[in-house]
Amino acid sequence: MPHFLTLGGLPAATLTSLLDASAAYKRGRPHAPAPWLQGKTVAVVLEKASTRTRVGFEVAINELGGHPIVLSTSGSQLGRGEPVEDTARVLGRMCHGIVYRTFGDERLQRMASASGVPVVNALTDREHPCQIIADLLTVRERLGTIDVRYAWIGDGNNVAVSWLHAAAALGLTFTLACPEGYHPDPDVVADARAAGAAVNVVADPVDAAKGADVIMTDVWASMGQEEEARTRADAFAGYIVDDGLFVHASGRAIALHCLPAHRGEEIAATVIDGPRGLAIWDQAENRLHTHKAILELAFTGRAHGP
C-alpha cells in the first residue's frame, strides 16, 4: 500500500519528483490538473485543528477530480473512543483513501495498518512530512536551489524531525538551535549524519544563523502542549527569530514559519510582515500544490504532475 507516512527512508529521487510535480501543478493552476482522483472519495480525518492542512487537502482533492469528506473528532465516533482500527476499517470500505491528522504517531500507524487504502500523514506529534515538501518547494522557488544552509530555531519538534529526514535524503546542511531539554530525537540526528547530512545541534541561535540562507521556526507550544506553555516560554526566551538574528545570516536569507505564528514570541512582527517573511506566504500557498503531488504519489505510486 503506497502510504505517505514519513520522509524517513524516502529516496532523494522521490523527494525531487514530488518537488517537480508540485511545481508543475502550481504552474498549471487554475487549469484543471490531471484527474488522478476522478470518481474517488477521500476521508480527511482531523483530530487536531487545522487551517492550511484542511483547506489545502480539500481543494487539492477537489481539483484532482475527487470528493473530500472531512471528519473531526467531535463529528465522528473517534470522539467517543472508537478504536482507530474500527474507524480505519469502515473508512477503508467506503472511501478510496484517508488523510489523517492526529496526535501520537502510533495512531497513524494503526490507521494505516487497518485501513486497506492509502493513508497520508497530515501531521502527528512526531512528524509533519507534508509541511517539508512545501518548505522545500518554497526554498527552491526563492533561492533557485535547495542546496543551501538551513537554520532551525526553537523546539526540536515534529517539523524539525521531518526536516532532519529530508536533510538525510538530500544531504543538506542543517543546524538546529534548541534549548536544553528540547533537542530533536538523537537517533534521528544520528541517522541524518550517517546518511551524509551536515547536521549540527547548538544552543545559541546566533551560531545557527551564521551564514544561513533559510532561518526557520515554529510555535513554542504546539497543539496538545498548552499546559506547558509557561514553562516553554521561559525555556525558549531568547530563541526569537528577529531582525538581529538575520544580521548573522547570508544576504539573501529568507524566513520560514509553518504557521500559525505568535508575533513577538518565536518570530518578530518585523520579520514575518517584512521582506524576509514574504516567503512564508508562498510556503502556505505551496501546501496546496504539494498536497496534489503527495496525493498523486499515494494513489498512483509516482508523482509526475498534471
Protein backbone atom coordinates (compact mmCIF):
# COMPACT_ATOMS: atom_id res chain seq x y z
CA MET A 1 0.00 0.00 0.00
CA PRO A 2 1.65 3.29 -1.08
CA HIS A 3 1.05 5.21 2.15
CA PHE A 4 2.74 8.59 2.68
CA LEU A 5 3.61 8.47 6.38
CA THR A 6 7.17 9.76 6.76
CA LEU A 7 10.10 11.22 4.88
CA GLY A 8 12.35 8.81 6.72
CA GLY A 9 13.95 6.45 4.23
CA LEU A 10 12.37 8.19 1.23
CA PRO A 11 14.83 8.25 -1.69
CA ALA A 12 16.16 11.58 -2.89
CA ALA A 13 14.70 10.85 -6.34
CA THR A 14 11.20 10.56 -4.85
CA LEU A 15 11.58 13.86 -3.00
CA THR A 16 12.80 15.53 -6.16
CA SER A 17 9.90 14.12 -8.17
CA LEU A 18 7.47 15.46 -5.55
CA LEU A 19 9.01 18.93 -5.87
CA ASP A 20 8.94 18.81 -9.68
CA ALA A 21 5.32 17.62 -9.71
CA SER A 22 4.31 20.28 -7.17
CA ALA A 23 5.89 22.99 -9.29
CA ALA A 24 4.04 21.69 -12.35
CA TYR A 25 0.73 21.74 -10.50
CA LYS A 26 1.41 25.31 -9.41
CA ARG A 27 2.27 26.44 -12.95
CA GLY A 28 -0.84 24.74 -14.33
CA ARG A 29 -3.36 26.29 -11.98
CA PRO A 30 -6.14 27.41 -12.42
CA HIS A 31 -6.48 24.97 -15.31
CA ALA A 32 -7.76 21.55 -14.29
CA PRO A 33 -4.88 19.17 -13.49
CA ALA A 34 -4.78 15.51 -14.36
CA PRO A 35 -7.81 13.86 -12.72
CA TRP A 36 -5.89 11.29 -10.65
CA LEU A 37 -8.75 11.11 -8.14
CA GLN A 38 -11.63 11.13 -10.60
CA GLY A 39 -14.52 9.19 -9.07
CA LYS A 40 -12.66 8.69 -5.77
CA THR A 41 -13.68 9.78 -2.27
CA VAL A 42 -11.01 10.68 0.29
CA ALA A 43 -11.71 10.95 4.01
CA VAL A 44 -9.87 13.84 5.67
CA VAL A 45 -9.78 12.93 9.36
CA LEU A 46 -8.76 15.82 11.62
CA GLU A 47 -8.17 15.06 15.29
CA LYS A 48 -6.28 18.35 15.58
CA ALA A 49 -7.48 21.78 14.48
CA SER A 50 -6.30 22.82 11.03
CA THR A 51 -6.40 25.66 8.53
CA ARG A 52 -3.70 25.15 5.88
CA THR A 53 -3.79 21.36 6.02
CA ARG A 54 -7.57 21.14 5.81
CA VAL A 55 -8.04 23.74 3.07
CA GLY A 56 -5.00 22.51 1.16
CA PHE A 57 -6.19 18.92 1.06
CA GLU A 58 -9.86 19.72 0.43
CA VAL A 59 -9.01 21.94 -2.53
CA ALA A 60 -6.34 19.53 -3.80
CA ILE A 61 -8.72 16.55 -3.72
CA ASN A 62 -11.42 18.56 -5.50
CA GLU A 63 -9.03 19.85 -8.16
CA LEU A 64 -7.73 16.31 -8.77
CA GLY A 65 -11.29 15.23 -9.53
CA GLY A 66 -12.06 13.59 -6.18
CA HIS A 67 -14.50 14.26 -3.38
CA PRO A 68 -13.26 15.02 0.16
CA ILE A 69 -15.23 14.09 3.29
CA VAL A 70 -13.96 15.94 6.37
CA LEU A 71 -14.34 14.28 9.76
CA SER A 72 -13.40 15.93 13.05
CA THR A 73 -13.07 14.18 16.39
CA SER A 74 -16.25 15.82 17.67
CA GLY A 75 -18.11 14.90 14.49
CA SER A 76 -17.18 11.23 14.44
CA GLN A 77 -17.16 8.23 16.72
CA LEU A 78 -13.46 8.76 17.35
CA GLY A 79 -14.61 11.43 19.79
CA ARG A 80 -16.47 8.75 21.76
CA GLY A 81 -13.46 6.48 21.97
CA GLU A 82 -13.97 4.22 18.97
CA PRO A 83 -10.70 2.36 18.30
CA VAL A 84 -8.67 3.77 15.44
CA GLU A 85 -8.70 0.34 13.78
CA ASP A 86 -12.51 0.24 13.69
CA THR A 87 -12.71 3.68 12.09
CA ALA A 88 -9.96 2.69 9.64
CA ARG A 89 -11.75 -0.48 8.54
CA VAL A 90 -15.01 1.35 7.93
CA LEU A 91 -13.41 4.25 6.07
CA GLY A 92 -11.36 1.81 4.01
CA ARG A 93 -14.53 0.08 2.85
CA MET A 94 -16.35 3.32 1.99
CA CYS A 95 -13.55 5.60 0.79
CA HIS A 96 -10.57 5.25 -1.52
CA GLY A 97 -8.04 6.93 0.75
CA ILE A 98 -7.52 8.67 4.10
CA VAL A 99 -5.72 11.86 5.05
CA TYR A 100 -5.09 11.68 8.80
CA ARG A 101 -4.04 14.46 11.22
CA THR A 102 -3.63 13.13 14.73
CA PHE A 103 -1.63 13.13 17.97
CA GLY A 104 0.61 10.14 18.70
CA ASP A 105 2.39 8.54 15.76
CA GLU A 106 1.11 5.13 16.86
CA ARG A 107 -2.43 6.22 15.93
CA LEU A 108 -1.25 6.93 12.38
CA GLN A 109 0.43 3.53 12.17
CA ARG A 110 -2.73 1.80 13.38
CA MET A 111 -4.85 3.70 10.84
CA ALA A 112 -2.51 2.73 8.02
CA SER A 113 -2.32 -0.92 9.09
CA ALA A 114 -6.08 -1.43 9.30
CA SER A 115 -7.42 0.77 6.50
CA GLY A 116 -6.66 -1.23 3.36
CA VAL A 117 -6.41 2.06 1.42
CA PRO A 118 -3.66 4.70 1.04
CA VAL A 119 -3.13 6.86 4.14
CA VAL A 120 -1.40 10.26 4.12
CA ASN A 121 0.19 11.65 7.26
CA ALA A 122 -1.20 15.16 7.62
CA LEU A 123 0.65 15.61 10.96
CA THR A 124 1.43 13.65 14.07
CA ASP A 125 3.23 14.68 17.23
CA ARG A 126 6.34 13.05 15.78
CA GLU A 127 6.39 14.13 12.13
CA HIS A 128 4.91 16.56 9.61
CA PRO A 129 6.17 15.35 6.21
CA CYS A 130 3.67 17.30 4.08
CA GLN A 131 4.94 20.58 5.51
CA ILE A 132 8.53 19.93 4.50
CA ILE A 133 7.66 19.29 0.84
CA ALA A 134 6.01 22.73 0.75
CA ASP A 135 9.00 24.26 2.54
CA LEU A 136 11.48 22.77 0.08
CA LEU A 137 9.43 23.96 -2.88
CA THR A 138 9.42 27.47 -1.39
CA VAL A 139 13.20 27.45 -0.91
CA ARG A 140 13.74 26.26 -4.49
CA GLU A 141 11.45 29.00 -5.82
CA ARG A 142 13.02 31.75 -3.73
CA LEU A 143 16.70 30.79 -3.89
CA GLY A 144 16.87 28.74 -7.08
CA THR A 145 18.16 25.63 -5.32
CA ILE A 146 17.57 23.55 -2.20
CA ASP A 147 21.31 23.09 -1.69
CA VAL A 148 21.61 25.96 0.81
CA ARG A 149 22.35 26.39 4.51
CA TYR A 150 19.37 25.88 6.83
CA ALA A 151 18.92 27.05 10.41
CA TRP A 152 16.15 25.87 12.71
CA ILE A 153 15.49 27.99 15.80
CA GLY A 154 13.44 26.63 18.72
CA ASP A 155 11.84 23.31 19.56
CA GLY A 156 13.17 20.09 18.05
CA ASN A 157 9.57 19.16 17.28
CA ASN A 158 7.74 17.18 14.62
CA VAL A 159 8.56 19.68 11.86
CA ALA A 160 12.24 19.64 12.83
CA VAL A 161 12.25 15.82 12.77
CA SER A 162 10.77 15.74 9.26
CA TRP A 163 13.36 18.33 8.19
CA LEU A 164 16.08 16.03 9.50
CA HIS A 165 14.68 13.19 7.38
CA ALA A 166 14.78 15.48 4.34
CA ALA A 167 18.32 16.55 5.19
CA ALA A 168 19.32 12.89 5.33
CA ALA A 169 17.81 12.11 1.93
CA LEU A 170 19.15 15.21 0.21
CA GLY A 171 22.48 15.70 2.00
CA LEU A 172 21.58 19.13 3.33
CA THR A 173 23.44 21.43 5.72
CA PHE A 174 21.09 21.82 8.67
CA THR A 175 21.78 23.44 12.05
CA LEU A 176 19.31 23.45 14.93
CA ALA A 177 19.46 25.86 17.87
CA CYS A 178 17.43 24.34 20.69
CA PRO A 179 17.39 24.94 24.46
CA GLU A 180 18.40 22.11 26.75
CA GLY A 181 15.60 19.57 27.06
CA TYR A 182 14.07 20.42 23.70
CA HIS A 183 16.56 18.81 21.30
CA PRO A 184 15.27 16.63 18.45
CA ASP A 185 15.35 12.85 18.74
CA PRO A 186 19.09 11.98 18.93
CA ASP A 187 18.55 8.83 16.88
CA VAL A 188 17.09 10.88 14.03
CA VAL A 189 20.04 13.28 14.25
CA ALA A 190 22.48 10.37 14.18
CA ASP A 191 20.72 8.76 11.22
CA ALA A 192 20.82 12.03 9.26
CA ARG A 193 24.55 12.39 9.91
CA ALA A 194 25.17 8.77 8.95
CA ALA A 195 23.33 9.38 5.67
CA GLY A 196 25.68 12.25 4.82
CA ALA A 197 23.76 15.33 6.00
CA ALA A 198 25.78 18.06 7.72
CA VAL A 199 23.66 18.29 10.88
CA ASN A 200 24.64 20.25 13.96
CA VAL A 201 22.72 20.95 17.18
CA VAL A 202 23.73 24.07 19.11
CA ALA A 203 22.40 26.13 21.99
CA ASP A 204 22.91 29.66 20.64
CA PRO A 205 20.58 30.86 17.85
CA VAL A 206 23.35 33.13 16.57
CA ASP A 207 25.59 30.12 15.97
CA ALA A 208 22.83 28.51 13.89
CA ALA A 209 22.10 31.69 11.95
CA LYS A 210 25.70 32.36 10.88
CA GLY A 211 25.77 32.20 7.09
CA ALA A 212 22.30 30.64 6.91
CA ASP A 213 20.21 31.12 3.78
CA VAL A 214 16.98 29.90 5.39
CA ILE A 215 16.02 30.58 9.01
CA MET A 216 13.00 28.62 10.24
CA THR A 217 10.97 28.42 13.41
CA ASP A 218 7.66 27.20 14.81
CA VAL A 219 5.46 27.99 17.79
CA TRP A 220 6.97 27.17 21.18
CA ALA A 221 3.94 25.20 22.38
CA SER A 222 2.20 23.06 19.75
CA MET A 223 -1.33 21.68 19.94
CA GLY A 224 -1.60 19.42 22.95
CA GLN A 225 1.17 21.26 24.81
CA GLU A 226 -0.90 24.18 26.09
CA GLU A 227 -0.34 23.24 29.74
CA GLU A 228 3.40 23.53 29.15
CA ALA A 229 3.14 26.99 27.59
CA ARG A 230 4.53 28.92 30.57
CA THR A 231 7.42 26.52 31.11
CA ARG A 232 8.21 26.57 27.42
CA ALA A 233 8.07 30.38 27.28
CA ASP A 234 10.78 30.51 29.94
CA ALA A 235 12.88 27.83 28.24
CA PHE A 236 12.68 29.48 24.81
CA ALA A 237 13.38 33.04 25.95
CA GLY A 238 15.99 34.39 23.53
CA TYR A 239 15.03 31.98 20.74
CA ILE A 240 13.08 34.55 18.74
CA VAL A 241 13.71 34.95 15.02
CA ASP A 242 14.15 38.70 14.80
CA ASP A 243 15.99 41.22 12.65
CA GLY A 244 19.06 40.96 14.86
CA LEU A 245 19.38 37.27 14.03
CA PHE A 246 19.38 37.99 10.31
CA VAL A 247 22.44 40.21 10.74
CA HIS A 248 24.41 36.96 11.04
CA ALA A 249 22.72 35.24 8.08
CA SER A 250 23.58 35.43 4.40
CA GLY A 251 22.48 38.48 2.46
CA ARG A 252 19.80 36.50 0.62
CA ALA A 253 18.40 34.79 3.72
CA ILE A 254 14.65 34.19 3.98
CA ALA A 255 12.40 33.34 6.92
CA LEU A 256 10.06 30.36 7.01
CA HIS A 257 7.30 29.58 9.50
CA CYS A 258 4.73 26.81 9.06
CA LEU A 259 2.04 28.94 10.79
CA PRO A 260 0.07 29.83 12.81
CA ALA A 261 2.58 32.33 14.25
CA HIS A 262 2.77 34.17 17.55
CA ARG A 263 4.30 37.52 16.66
CA GLY A 264 6.66 38.69 19.36
CA GLU A 265 7.28 35.18 20.67
CA GLU A 266 9.04 32.80 18.28
CA ILE A 267 9.17 35.35 15.44
CA ALA A 268 9.20 39.14 15.38
CA ALA A 269 6.42 41.01 13.58
CA THR A 270 9.06 42.94 11.64
CA VAL A 271 10.32 39.65 10.19
CA ILE A 272 7.08 37.87 9.37
CA ASP A 273 5.49 41.04 7.98
CA GLY A 274 8.67 42.30 6.33
CA PRO A 275 10.50 41.42 3.10
CA ARG A 276 12.29 38.39 4.59
CA GLY A 277 8.92 36.96 5.64
CA LEU A 278 7.33 37.12 2.19
CA ALA A 279 8.36 33.52 1.59
CA ILE A 280 6.11 32.45 4.49
CA TRP A 281 3.03 33.21 2.41
CA ASP A 282 4.46 31.31 -0.56
CA GLN A 283 5.11 28.48 1.90
CA ALA A 284 1.47 28.48 2.99
CA GLU A 285 0.14 28.53 -0.58
CA ASN A 286 2.52 25.78 -1.59
CA ARG A 287 0.77 23.39 0.76
CA LEU A 288 -2.00 23.17 -1.88
CA HIS A 289 0.33 22.35 -4.75
CA THR A 290 2.44 19.89 -2.80
CA HIS A 291 -0.66 18.16 -1.46
CA LYS A 292 -1.61 17.36 -5.05
CA ALA A 293 1.77 15.77 -5.70
CA ILE A 294 1.59 13.79 -2.45
CA LEU A 295 -1.90 12.53 -3.26
CA GLU A 296 -0.77 11.52 -6.74
CA LEU A 297 2.14 9.60 -5.20
CA ALA A 298 -0.11 7.87 -2.69
CA PHE A 299 -2.73 6.88 -5.24
CA THR A 300 -0.59 6.05 -8.27
CA GLY A 301 2.83 5.22 -6.84
CA ARG A 302 4.59 8.10 -8.61
CA ALA A 303 4.41 11.89 -8.83
CA HIS A 304 4.62 13.29 -12.38
CA GLY A 305 2.31 16.26 -12.14
CA PRO A 306 -0.53 17.21 -14.49
